[in-house]
Protein backbone atom coordinates (compact mmCIF):
# COMPACT_ATOMS: atom_id res chain seq x y z
CA MET A 1 85.36 117.02 132.50
CA LYS A 2 86.46 113.41 130.95
CA GLN A 3 89.38 113.12 128.33
CA THR A 4 89.15 110.91 125.29
CA ARG A 5 92.44 109.09 124.05
CA LYS A 6 94.32 109.91 121.50
CA LYS A 7 94.68 107.22 118.90
CA HIS A 8 98.03 107.76 117.23
CA GLY A 9 99.13 106.48 114.02
CA ALA A 10 101.69 104.15 112.98
CA ALA A 11 103.63 106.93 111.14
CA PHE A 12 103.54 108.76 113.71
CA LYS A 13 104.65 106.27 116.37
CA ALA A 14 107.70 105.50 113.83
CA LYS A 15 108.65 108.62 114.13
CA VAL A 16 108.51 109.41 117.43
CA ALA A 17 110.34 106.28 118.00
CA LEU A 18 112.76 106.70 115.56
CA ALA A 19 113.68 109.87 117.30
CA ALA A 20 114.14 108.73 120.49
CA LEU A 21 116.36 106.00 118.76
CA LYS A 22 118.43 108.42 117.29
CA GLY A 23 119.44 110.12 120.68
CA ASP A 24 119.65 113.51 119.80
CA ARG A 25 117.33 115.01 122.64
CA THR A 26 116.05 113.15 126.20
CA VAL A 27 112.79 111.48 125.91
CA ALA A 28 111.29 114.10 128.55
CA GLU A 29 111.95 116.99 125.87
CA LEU A 30 110.78 114.23 122.95
CA ALA A 31 107.57 113.89 125.49
CA SER A 32 106.90 117.70 125.56
CA ALA A 33 107.43 118.25 121.49
CA TYR A 34 104.76 115.39 120.77
CA GLY A 35 102.66 115.89 123.23
CA VAL A 36 103.05 111.68 124.61
CA HIS A 37 104.18 110.62 127.72
CA PRO A 38 107.79 109.31 127.81
CA ASN A 39 106.57 105.86 129.31
CA GLN A 40 104.43 105.93 125.92
CA ILE A 41 107.54 106.83 123.94
CA TYR A 42 109.57 104.21 125.85
CA ALA A 43 106.92 101.41 124.75
CA TRP A 44 107.33 102.40 120.97
CA LYS A 45 110.92 102.27 121.12
CA LYS A 46 110.54 99.09 122.45
CA GLN A 47 108.27 97.85 119.80
CA LEU A 48 110.29 99.51 117.29
CA LEU A 49 113.50 97.52 118.63
CA ASP A 50 111.63 94.21 118.78
CA GLY A 51 110.10 94.34 115.29
CA VAL A 52 113.09 95.83 113.31
CA THR A 53 114.39 92.06 112.37
CA SER A 54 111.28 91.41 110.85
CA VAL A 55 111.89 93.73 108.00
CA PHE A 56 114.74 91.77 106.85
CA ASP A 57 113.70 88.17 107.25
CA GLY A 58 111.03 88.64 104.70
CA SER A 59 108.36 87.49 106.62
CA VAL A 60 105.80 89.74 105.75
CA ALA A 61 105.77 88.10 102.24
CA THR A 62 104.96 84.67 104.48
CA ALA A 63 102.45 86.43 105.80
CA GLU A 64 100.96 87.70 102.94
CA GLY A 65 100.84 84.33 101.26
CA THR A 66 99.26 82.68 104.24
CA ALA A 67 96.44 85.33 104.24
CA SER A 68 95.49 84.84 100.48
CA GLU A 69 95.51 81.32 101.00
CA ALA A 70 93.75 81.20 103.65
CA GLN A 71 91.35 83.54 101.75
CA ILE A 72 91.58 81.57 98.64
CA ASP A 73 90.27 77.78 101.29
CA LEU A 74 87.30 79.80 102.38
CA LEU A 75 85.95 80.67 98.91
CA TYR A 76 86.55 77.19 97.76
CA ARG A 77 84.10 76.47 100.59
CA GLN A 78 81.91 78.57 99.64
CA ILE A 79 81.69 77.78 95.75
CA GLY A 80 81.59 74.12 97.34
CA GLN A 81 78.42 74.87 99.40
CA LEU A 82 77.00 77.00 96.94
CA LYS A 83 77.00 73.80 94.48
CA VAL A 84 75.51 71.81 96.89
CA GLU A 85 72.54 73.82 97.76
CA ASN A 86 72.29 74.86 93.93
CA ASP A 87 71.93 70.84 93.05
CA PHE A 88 69.14 70.22 96.25
CA LEU A 89 67.43 73.00 95.01
CA SER A 90 67.58 71.85 91.71
CA ARG A 91 66.34 68.41 92.89
CA LYS A 92 63.57 69.68 94.78
CA LEU A 93 62.42 71.80 92.05
CA GLY A 94 62.46 69.41 89.64
CA LYS A 95 64.61 70.61 86.77
């Protein structure tokens, strides 16, 4: 019988990683309590520790600004393309 993979959300991963970081219980106890493999808990804990510096350096605001600038650039290109097509078609139709 084939078992499907569980997809855990970010909130669940953060909760488990924070519990592992506290050190109140062992990783084996956490694994049995949350129903995940101990290696997965170690990986989530490492991701949490690696990404914790981004909370304080303000890179989220920079990433959002870059994403919105890219979207604005894309929209301006689409507007330009539509204007060219509109001018072309209006000349072809004789208006």
